[in-house]
Full PDB file with SEQRES, HELIX, SHEET, SSBOND, CRYST1, ORIGX, SCALE, CONECT and MASTER records, all heavy atoms in Angstrom:
SEQRES   1 A   30  GLY ALA SER TRP ALA LEU GLY ALA ASP GLU ALA PRO GLU          
SEQRES   2 A   30  LEU PRO GLU GLU ALA TRP ARG CYS ARG PHE VAL HIS ASP          
SEQRES   3 A   30  ARG VAL GLN GLN                                              
HELIX    1 AA1 SER A    3  LEU A    6  1                                   4    
HELIX    2 AA2 ALA A    8  GLU A   10  5                                   3    
HELIX    3 AA3 GLU A   16  TRP A   19  5                                   4    
HELIX    4 AA4 ASP A   26  GLN A   29  1                                   4    
CRYST1    1.000    1.000    1.000  90.00  90.00  90.00 P 1           1          
ORIGX1      1.000000  0.000000  0.000000        0.00000                         
ORIGX2      0.000000  1.000000  0.000000        0.00000                         
ORIGX3      0.000000  0.000000  1.000000        0.00000                         
SCALE1      1.000000  0.000000  0.000000        0.00000                         
SCALE2      0.000000  1.000000  0.000000        0.00000                         
SCALE3      0.000000  0.000000  1.000000        0.00000                         
ATOM      1  N   GLY A   1       2.864   1.554  -2.657  1.00  0.00           N  
ATOM      2  CA  GLY A   1       3.012   2.974  -2.330  1.00  0.00           C  
ATOM      3  C   GLY A   1       3.967   3.328  -1.203  1.00  0.00           C  
ATOM      4  O   GLY A   1       4.460   2.447  -0.528  1.00  0.00           O  
ATOM      5  N   ALA A   2       4.134   4.620  -0.974  1.00  0.00           N  
ATOM      6  CA  ALA A   2       5.110   5.069  -0.014  1.00  0.00           C  
ATOM      7  C   ALA A   2       4.733   4.861   1.446  1.00  0.00           C  
ATOM      8  O   ALA A   2       5.560   4.877   2.363  1.00  0.00           O  
ATOM      9  CB  ALA A   2       5.395   6.572  -0.239  1.00  0.00           C  
ATOM     10  N   SER A   3       3.416   4.622   1.689  1.00  0.00           N  
ATOM     11  CA  SER A   3       2.950   4.505   3.062  1.00  0.00           C  
ATOM     12  C   SER A   3       3.564   3.359   3.781  1.00  0.00           C  
ATOM     13  O   SER A   3       3.880   3.378   4.979  1.00  0.00           O  
ATOM     14  CB  SER A   3       1.462   4.348   3.142  1.00  0.00           C  
ATOM     15  OG  SER A   3       1.047   3.090   2.652  1.00  0.00           O  
ATOM     16  N   TRP A   4       3.947   2.313   3.052  1.00  0.00           N  
ATOM     17  CA  TRP A   4       4.573   1.149   3.700  1.00  0.00           C  
ATOM     18  C   TRP A   4       5.938   1.497   4.349  1.00  0.00           C  
ATOM     19  O   TRP A   4       6.203   1.114   5.453  1.00  0.00           O  
ATOM     20  CB  TRP A   4       4.695  -0.047   2.740  1.00  0.00           C  
ATOM     21  CG  TRP A   4       4.971  -1.294   3.392  1.00  0.00           C  
ATOM     22  CD1 TRP A   4       6.226  -1.785   3.694  1.00  0.00           C  
ATOM     23  CD2 TRP A   4       4.044  -2.268   3.838  1.00  0.00           C  
ATOM     24  NE1 TRP A   4       6.086  -3.038   4.312  1.00  0.00           N  
ATOM     25  CE2 TRP A   4       4.711  -3.321   4.442  1.00  0.00           C  
ATOM     26  CE3 TRP A   4       2.610  -2.362   3.796  1.00  0.00           C  
ATOM     27  CZ2 TRP A   4       4.098  -4.437   4.987  1.00  0.00           C  
ATOM     28  CZ3 TRP A   4       2.048  -3.444   4.362  1.00  0.00           C  
ATOM     29  CH2 TRP A   4       2.719  -4.492   4.908  1.00  0.00           C  
ATOM     30  N   ALA A   5       6.686   2.224   3.550  1.00  0.00           N  
ATOM     31  CA  ALA A   5       8.059   2.551   4.090  1.00  0.00           C  
ATOM     32  C   ALA A   5       7.974   3.582   5.136  1.00  0.00           C  
ATOM     33  O   ALA A   5       8.770   3.544   6.160  1.00  0.00           O  
ATOM     34  CB  ALA A   5       8.899   3.057   2.938  1.00  0.00           C  
ATOM     35  N   LEU A   6       7.030   4.471   5.064  1.00  0.00           N  
ATOM     36  CA  LEU A   6       6.946   5.589   6.038  1.00  0.00           C  
ATOM     37  C   LEU A   6       6.256   5.134   7.316  1.00  0.00           C  
ATOM     38  O   LEU A   6       6.440   5.741   8.377  1.00  0.00           O  
ATOM     39  CB  LEU A   6       6.245   6.777   5.436  1.00  0.00           C  
ATOM     40  CG  LEU A   6       6.959   7.490   4.280  1.00  0.00           C  
ATOM     41  CD1 LEU A   6       6.109   8.591   3.712  1.00  0.00           C  
ATOM     42  CD2 LEU A   6       8.322   8.022   4.712  1.00  0.00           C  
ATOM     43  N   GLY A   7       5.375   4.150   7.162  1.00  0.00           N  
ATOM     44  CA  GLY A   7       4.519   3.796   8.336  1.00  0.00           C  
ATOM     45  C   GLY A   7       3.134   4.377   8.098  1.00  0.00           C  
ATOM     46  O   GLY A   7       2.977   5.661   7.994  1.00  0.00           O  
ATOM     47  N   ALA A   8       2.117   3.519   7.953  1.00  0.00           N  
ATOM     48  CA  ALA A   8       0.828   4.005   7.461  1.00  0.00           C  
ATOM     49  C   ALA A   8       0.265   5.113   8.394  1.00  0.00           C  
ATOM     50  O   ALA A   8      -0.385   6.097   7.885  1.00  0.00           O  
ATOM     51  CB  ALA A   8      -0.105   2.842   7.428  1.00  0.00           C  
ATOM     52  N   ASP A   9       0.426   4.974   9.680  1.00  0.00           N  
ATOM     53  CA  ASP A   9      -0.162   5.972  10.649  1.00  0.00           C  
ATOM     54  C   ASP A   9       0.635   7.230  10.686  1.00  0.00           C  
ATOM     55  O   ASP A   9       0.217   8.258  11.219  1.00  0.00           O  
ATOM     56  CB  ASP A   9      -0.349   5.366  11.945  1.00  0.00           C  
ATOM     57  CG  ASP A   9      -1.477   4.292  12.061  1.00  0.00           C  
ATOM     58  OD1 ASP A   9      -2.349   4.415  11.160  1.00  0.00           O  
ATOM     59  OD2 ASP A   9      -1.401   3.485  12.910  1.00  0.00           O  
ATOM     60  N   GLU A  10       1.835   7.282  10.040  1.00  0.00           N  
ATOM     61  CA  GLU A  10       2.700   8.437  10.068  1.00  0.00           C  
ATOM     62  C   GLU A  10       2.601   9.269   8.819  1.00  0.00           C  
ATOM     63  O   GLU A  10       3.264  10.231   8.607  1.00  0.00           O  
ATOM     64  CB  GLU A  10       4.126   8.038  10.317  1.00  0.00           C  
ATOM     65  CG  GLU A  10       4.374   7.306  11.597  1.00  0.00           C  
ATOM     66  CD  GLU A  10       5.807   6.749  11.676  1.00  0.00           C  
ATOM     67  OE1 GLU A  10       6.641   7.143  10.790  1.00  0.00           O  
ATOM     68  OE2 GLU A  10       6.138   5.969  12.592  1.00  0.00           O  
ATOM     69  N   ALA A  11       1.695   8.791   7.879  1.00  0.00           N  
ATOM     70  CA  ALA A  11       1.640   9.429   6.530  1.00  0.00           C  
ATOM     71  C   ALA A  11       0.152   9.716   6.168  1.00  0.00           C  
ATOM     72  O   ALA A  11      -0.296   9.315   5.152  1.00  0.00           O  
ATOM     73  CB  ALA A  11       2.282   8.487   5.573  1.00  0.00           C  
ATOM     74  N   PRO A  12      -0.550  10.422   6.996  1.00  0.00           N  
ATOM     75  CA  PRO A  12      -2.014  10.646   6.708  1.00  0.00           C  
ATOM     76  C   PRO A  12      -2.267  11.518   5.499  1.00  0.00           C  
ATOM     77  O   PRO A  12      -3.392  11.482   4.944  1.00  0.00           O  
ATOM     78  CB  PRO A  12      -2.512  11.357   7.998  1.00  0.00           C  
ATOM     79  CG  PRO A  12      -1.285  12.050   8.542  1.00  0.00           C  
ATOM     80  CD  PRO A  12      -0.134  11.132   8.266  1.00  0.00           C  
ATOM     81  N   GLU A  13      -1.270  12.308   5.051  1.00  0.00           N  
ATOM     82  CA  GLU A  13      -1.514  13.248   3.952  1.00  0.00           C  
ATOM     83  C   GLU A  13      -1.095  12.663   2.590  1.00  0.00           C  
ATOM     84  O   GLU A  13      -1.201  13.364   1.556  1.00  0.00           O  
ATOM     85  CB  GLU A  13      -0.823  14.576   4.239  1.00  0.00           C  
ATOM     86  CG  GLU A  13      -1.126  15.216   5.518  1.00  0.00           C  
ATOM     87  CD  GLU A  13      -2.646  15.498   5.679  1.00  0.00           C  
ATOM     88  OE1 GLU A  13      -3.303  15.825   4.627  1.00  0.00           O  
ATOM     89  OE2 GLU A  13      -3.213  15.341   6.757  1.00  0.00           O  
ATOM     90  N   LEU A  14      -0.609  11.480   2.586  1.00  0.00           N  
ATOM     91  CA  LEU A  14      -0.211  10.898   1.257  1.00  0.00           C  
ATOM     92  C   LEU A  14      -1.340  10.663   0.341  1.00  0.00           C  
ATOM     93  O   LEU A  14      -2.542  10.467   0.846  1.00  0.00           O  
ATOM     94  CB  LEU A  14       0.527   9.606   1.540  1.00  0.00           C  
ATOM     95  CG  LEU A  14       1.931   9.647   2.128  1.00  0.00           C  
ATOM     96  CD1 LEU A  14       2.435   8.253   2.396  1.00  0.00           C  
ATOM     97  CD2 LEU A  14       2.846  10.392   1.260  1.00  0.00           C  
ATOM     98  N   PRO A  15      -1.199  10.777  -0.950  1.00  0.00           N  
ATOM     99  CA  PRO A  15      -2.283  10.516  -1.888  1.00  0.00           C  
ATOM    100  C   PRO A  15      -2.783   9.077  -1.839  1.00  0.00           C  
ATOM    101  O   PRO A  15      -2.086   8.206  -1.315  1.00  0.00           O  
ATOM    102  CB  PRO A  15      -1.660  10.869  -3.241  1.00  0.00           C  
ATOM    103  CG  PRO A  15      -0.272  10.691  -3.085  1.00  0.00           C  
ATOM    104  CD  PRO A  15       0.113  11.061  -1.642  1.00  0.00           C  
ATOM    105  N   GLU A  16      -3.963   8.851  -2.497  1.00  0.00           N  
ATOM    106  CA  GLU A  16      -4.587   7.519  -2.424  1.00  0.00           C  
ATOM    107  C   GLU A  16      -3.633   6.411  -2.853  1.00  0.00           C  
ATOM    108  O   GLU A  16      -3.605   5.272  -2.203  1.00  0.00           O  
ATOM    109  CB  GLU A  16      -5.814   7.545  -3.313  1.00  0.00           C  
ATOM    110  CG  GLU A  16      -6.580   6.258  -3.412  1.00  0.00           C  
ATOM    111  CD  GLU A  16      -7.781   6.418  -4.253  1.00  0.00           C  
ATOM    112  OE1 GLU A  16      -8.604   7.302  -4.006  1.00  0.00           O  
ATOM    113  OE2 GLU A  16      -7.877   5.611  -5.171  1.00  0.00           O  
ATOM    114  N   GLU A  17      -2.899   6.557  -3.946  1.00  0.00           N  
ATOM    115  CA  GLU A  17      -2.075   5.438  -4.429  1.00  0.00           C  
ATOM    116  C   GLU A  17      -0.933   5.071  -3.491  1.00  0.00           C  
ATOM    117  O   GLU A  17      -0.433   3.938  -3.585  1.00  0.00           O  
ATOM    118  CB  GLU A  17      -1.503   5.851  -5.829  1.00  0.00           C  
ATOM    119  CG  GLU A  17      -0.652   7.058  -5.810  1.00  0.00           C  
ATOM    120  CD  GLU A  17      -1.439   8.324  -6.148  1.00  0.00           C  
ATOM    121  OE1 GLU A  17      -2.691   8.279  -6.035  1.00  0.00           O  
ATOM    122  OE2 GLU A  17      -0.853   9.346  -6.516  1.00  0.00           O  
ATOM    123  N   ALA A  18      -0.639   5.863  -2.537  1.00  0.00           N  
ATOM    124  CA  ALA A  18       0.380   5.567  -1.568  1.00  0.00           C  
ATOM    125  C   ALA A  18       0.025   4.482  -0.616  1.00  0.00           C  
ATOM    126  O   ALA A  18       0.825   3.901   0.005  1.00  0.00           O  
ATOM    127  CB  ALA A  18       0.836   6.829  -0.725  1.00  0.00           C  
ATOM    128  N   TRP A  19      -1.245   4.163  -0.552  1.00  0.00           N  
ATOM    129  CA  TRP A  19      -1.796   3.250   0.487  1.00  0.00           C  
ATOM    130  C   TRP A  19      -2.051   1.795  -0.221  1.00  0.00           C  
ATOM    131  O   TRP A  19      -2.563   1.003   0.443  1.00  0.00           O  
ATOM    132  CB  TRP A  19      -3.066   3.695   1.041  1.00  0.00           C  
ATOM    133  CG  TRP A  19      -2.882   5.030   1.697  1.00  0.00           C  
ATOM    134  CD1 TRP A  19      -3.037   6.283   1.111  1.00  0.00           C  
ATOM    135  CD2 TRP A  19      -2.592   5.342   2.997  1.00  0.00           C  
ATOM    136  NE1 TRP A  19      -2.812   7.301   1.966  1.00  0.00           N  
ATOM    137  CE2 TRP A  19      -2.516   6.755   3.185  1.00  0.00           C  
ATOM    138  CE3 TRP A  19      -2.296   4.538   4.172  1.00  0.00           C  
ATOM    139  CZ2 TRP A  19      -2.190   7.348   4.373  1.00  0.00           C  
ATOM    140  CZ3 TRP A  19      -2.045   5.171   5.315  1.00  0.00           C  
ATOM    141  CH2 TRP A  19      -1.933   6.546   5.494  1.00  0.00           C  
ATOM    142  N   ARG A  20      -1.671   1.648  -1.421  1.00  0.00           N  
ATOM    143  CA  ARG A  20      -2.142   0.467  -2.101  1.00  0.00           C  
ATOM    144  C   ARG A  20      -1.095  -0.558  -2.065  1.00  0.00           C  
ATOM    145  O   ARG A  20       0.139  -0.349  -2.012  1.00  0.00           O  
ATOM    146  CB  ARG A  20      -2.481   0.794  -3.584  1.00  0.00           C  
ATOM    147  CG  ARG A  20      -3.654   1.814  -3.747  1.00  0.00           C  
ATOM    148  CD  ARG A  20      -4.198   1.988  -5.043  1.00  0.00           C  
ATOM    149  NE  ARG A  20      -4.863   0.795  -5.599  1.00  0.00           N  
ATOM    150  CZ  ARG A  20      -6.082   0.537  -5.258  1.00  0.00           C  
ATOM    151  NH1 ARG A  20      -6.759   1.258  -4.393  1.00  0.00           N  
ATOM    152  NH2 ARG A  20      -6.663  -0.594  -5.748  1.00  0.00           N  
ATOM    153  N   CYS A  21      -1.618  -1.886  -2.099  1.00  0.00           N  
ATOM    154  CA  CYS A  21      -0.799  -3.053  -2.154  1.00  0.00           C  
ATOM    155  C   CYS A  21      -1.439  -3.921  -3.279  1.00  0.00           C  
ATOM    156  O   CYS A  21      -2.499  -3.766  -3.712  1.00  0.00           O  
ATOM    157  CB  CYS A  21      -0.723  -3.812  -0.854  1.00  0.00           C  
ATOM    158  SG  CYS A  21       0.036  -2.896   0.565  1.00  0.00           S  
ATOM    159  N   ARG A  22      -0.640  -4.954  -3.643  1.00  0.00           N  
ATOM    160  CA  ARG A  22      -1.258  -5.893  -4.589  1.00  0.00           C  
ATOM    161  C   ARG A  22      -0.745  -7.303  -4.257  1.00  0.00           C  
ATOM    162  O   ARG A  22       0.293  -7.562  -3.627  1.00  0.00           O  
ATOM    163  CB  ARG A  22      -0.753  -5.565  -6.020  1.00  0.00           C  
ATOM    164  CG  ARG A  22       0.732  -5.761  -6.278  1.00  0.00           C  
ATOM    165  CD  ARG A  22       1.115  -5.559  -7.716  1.00  0.00           C  
ATOM    166  NE  ARG A  22       2.496  -5.672  -8.000  1.00  0.00           N  
ATOM    167  CZ  ARG A  22       3.149  -6.797  -8.175  1.00  0.00           C  
ATOM    168  NH1 ARG A  22       2.478  -7.977  -8.210  1.00  0.00           N  
ATOM    169  NH2 ARG A  22       4.474  -6.801  -8.384  1.00  0.00           N  
ATOM    170  N   PHE A  23      -1.564  -8.317  -4.746  1.00  0.00           N  
ATOM    171  CA  PHE A  23      -1.195  -9.704  -4.639  1.00  0.00           C  
ATOM    172  C   PHE A  23      -0.129  -9.887  -5.740  1.00  0.00           C  
ATOM    173  O   PHE A  23      -0.176  -9.449  -6.778  1.00  0.00           O  
ATOM    174  CB  PHE A  23      -2.352 -10.574  -4.879  1.00  0.00           C  
ATOM    175  CG  PHE A  23      -3.345 -10.666  -3.720  1.00  0.00           C  
ATOM    176  CD1 PHE A  23      -4.467  -9.813  -3.663  1.00  0.00           C  
ATOM    177  CD2 PHE A  23      -3.183 -11.521  -2.615  1.00  0.00           C  
ATOM    178  CE1 PHE A  23      -5.308  -9.924  -2.611  1.00  0.00           C  
ATOM    179  CE2 PHE A  23      -4.003 -11.590  -1.607  1.00  0.00           C  
ATOM    180  CZ  PHE A  23      -5.130 -10.710  -1.566  1.00  0.00           C  
ATOM    181  N   VAL A  24       0.950 -10.661  -5.401  1.00  0.00           N  
ATOM    182  CA  VAL A  24       2.027 -10.876  -6.333  1.00  0.00           C  
ATOM    183  C   VAL A  24       1.532 -11.719  -7.523  1.00  0.00           C  
ATOM    184  O   VAL A  24       2.267 -11.664  -8.550  1.00  0.00           O  
ATOM    185  CB  VAL A  24       3.238 -11.433  -5.740  1.00  0.00           C  
ATOM    186  CG1 VAL A  24       3.723 -10.550  -4.544  1.00  0.00           C  
ATOM    187  CG2 VAL A  24       2.944 -12.861  -5.122  1.00  0.00           C  
ATOM    188  N   HIS A  25       0.480 -12.462  -7.385  1.00  0.00           N  
ATOM    189  CA  HIS A  25      -0.003 -13.316  -8.483  1.00  0.00           C  
ATOM    190  C   HIS A  25      -1.482 -13.543  -8.265  1.00  0.00           C  
ATOM    191  O   HIS A  25      -1.958 -13.553  -7.090  1.00  0.00           O  
ATOM    192  CB  HIS A  25       0.797 -14.675  -8.488  1.00  0.00           C  
ATOM    193  CG  HIS A  25       0.602 -15.445  -9.680  1.00  0.00           C  
ATOM    194  ND1 HIS A  25      -0.545 -16.239 -10.013  1.00  0.00           N  
ATOM    195  CD2 HIS A  25       1.461 -15.631 -10.840  1.00  0.00           C  
ATOM    196  CE1 HIS A  25      -0.364 -16.775 -11.212  1.00  0.00           C  
ATOM    197  NE2 HIS A  25       0.775 -16.418 -11.690  1.00  0.00           N  
ATOM    198  N   ASP A  26      -2.206 -13.672  -9.358  1.00  0.00           N  
ATOM    199  CA  ASP A  26      -3.685 -13.907  -9.218  1.00  0.00           C  
ATOM    200  C   ASP A  26      -4.028 -15.167  -8.481  1.00  0.00           C  
ATOM    201  O   ASP A  26      -5.047 -15.321  -7.779  1.00  0.00           O  
ATOM    202  CB  ASP A  26      -4.423 -13.769 -10.493  1.00  0.00           C  
ATOM    203  CG  ASP A  26      -3.909 -14.804 -11.537  1.00  0.00           C  
ATOM    204  OD1 ASP A  26      -3.009 -15.614 -11.229  1.00  0.00           O  
ATOM    205  OD2 ASP A  26      -4.546 -14.823 -12.656  1.00  0.00           O  
ATOM    206  N   ARG A  27      -3.133 -16.145  -8.583  1.00  0.00           N  
ATOM    207  CA  ARG A  27      -3.367 -17.383  -7.877  1.00  0.00           C  
ATOM    208  C   ARG A  27      -3.245 -17.230  -6.347  1.00  0.00           C  
ATOM    209  O   ARG A  27      -3.932 -17.922  -5.527  1.00  0.00           O  
ATOM    210  CB  ARG A  27      -2.335 -18.487  -8.279  1.00  0.00           C  
ATOM    211  CG  ARG A  27      -2.366 -18.849  -9.682  1.00  0.00           C  
ATOM    212  CD  ARG A  27      -3.596 -19.641 -10.039  1.00  0.00           C  
ATOM    213  NE  ARG A  27      -3.647 -20.018 -11.491  1.00  0.00           N  
ATOM    214  CZ  ARG A  27      -3.021 -21.065 -12.003  1.00  0.00           C  
ATOM    215  NH1 ARG A  27      -2.401 -21.903 -11.185  1.00  0.00           N  
ATOM    216  NH2 ARG A  27      -3.157 -21.331 -13.280  1.00  0.00           N  
ATOM    217  N   VAL A  28      -2.478 -16.245  -5.888  1.00  0.00           N  
ATOM    218  CA  VAL A  28      -2.439 -15.993  -4.425  1.00  0.00           C  
ATOM    219  C   VAL A  28      -3.760 -15.411  -3.975  1.00  0.00           C  
ATOM    220  O   VAL A  28      -4.272 -15.831  -2.939  1.00  0.00           O  
ATOM    221  CB  VAL A  28      -1.288 -14.990  -4.104  1.00  0.00           C  
ATOM    222  CG1 VAL A  28      -1.292 -14.655  -2.639  1.00  0.00           C  
ATOM    223  CG2 VAL A  28       0.064 -15.545  -4.518  1.00  0.00           C  
ATOM    224  N   GLN A  29      -4.324 -14.476  -4.755  1.00  0.00           N  
ATOM    225  CA  GLN A  29      -5.612 -13.926  -4.405  1.00  0.00           C  
ATOM    226  C   GLN A  29      -6.652 -15.012  -4.409  1.00  0.00           C  
ATOM    227  O   GLN A  29      -7.543 -15.116  -3.577  1.00  0.00           O  
ATOM    228  CB  GLN A  29      -6.030 -12.823  -5.409  1.00  0.00           C  
ATOM    229  CG  GLN A  29      -7.411 -12.152  -5.118  1.00  0.00           C  
ATOM    230  CD  GLN A  29      -7.878 -11.353  -6.213  1.00  0.00           C  
ATOM    231  OE1 GLN A  29      -7.232 -11.124  -7.300  1.00  0.00           O  
ATOM    232  NE2 GLN A  29      -9.020 -10.724  -6.036  1.00  0.00           N  
ATOM    233  N   GLN A  30      -6.671 -15.936  -5.384  1.00  0.00           N  
ATOM    234  CA  GLN A  30      -7.602 -16.972  -5.462  1.00  0.00           C  
ATOM    235  C   GLN A  30      -7.540 -17.891  -4.270  1.00  0.00           C  
ATOM    236  O   GLN A  30      -8.498 -18.311  -3.698  1.00  0.00           O  
ATOM    237  CB  GLN A  30      -7.384 -17.876  -6.742  1.00  0.00           C  
ATOM    238  CG  GLN A  30      -7.640 -17.102  -8.020  1.00  0.00           C  
ATOM    239  CD  GLN A  30      -7.232 -17.936  -9.197  1.00  0.00           C  
ATOM    240  OE1 GLN A  30      -7.043 -19.192  -9.165  1.00  0.00           O  
ATOM    241  NE2 GLN A  30      -7.035 -17.251 -10.372  1.00  0.00           N  
TER     242      GLN A  30                                                      
MASTER        0    0    0    4    0    0    0    6  241    1    0    3          
END                                                                             
């Protein structure tokens, strides 16, 4: 989401999906 580029603490009004990240592979999560 957009919060990463803007800075998380500078974007309090962004929608929920703006704060999400993902593991690049399920093996990384494992």
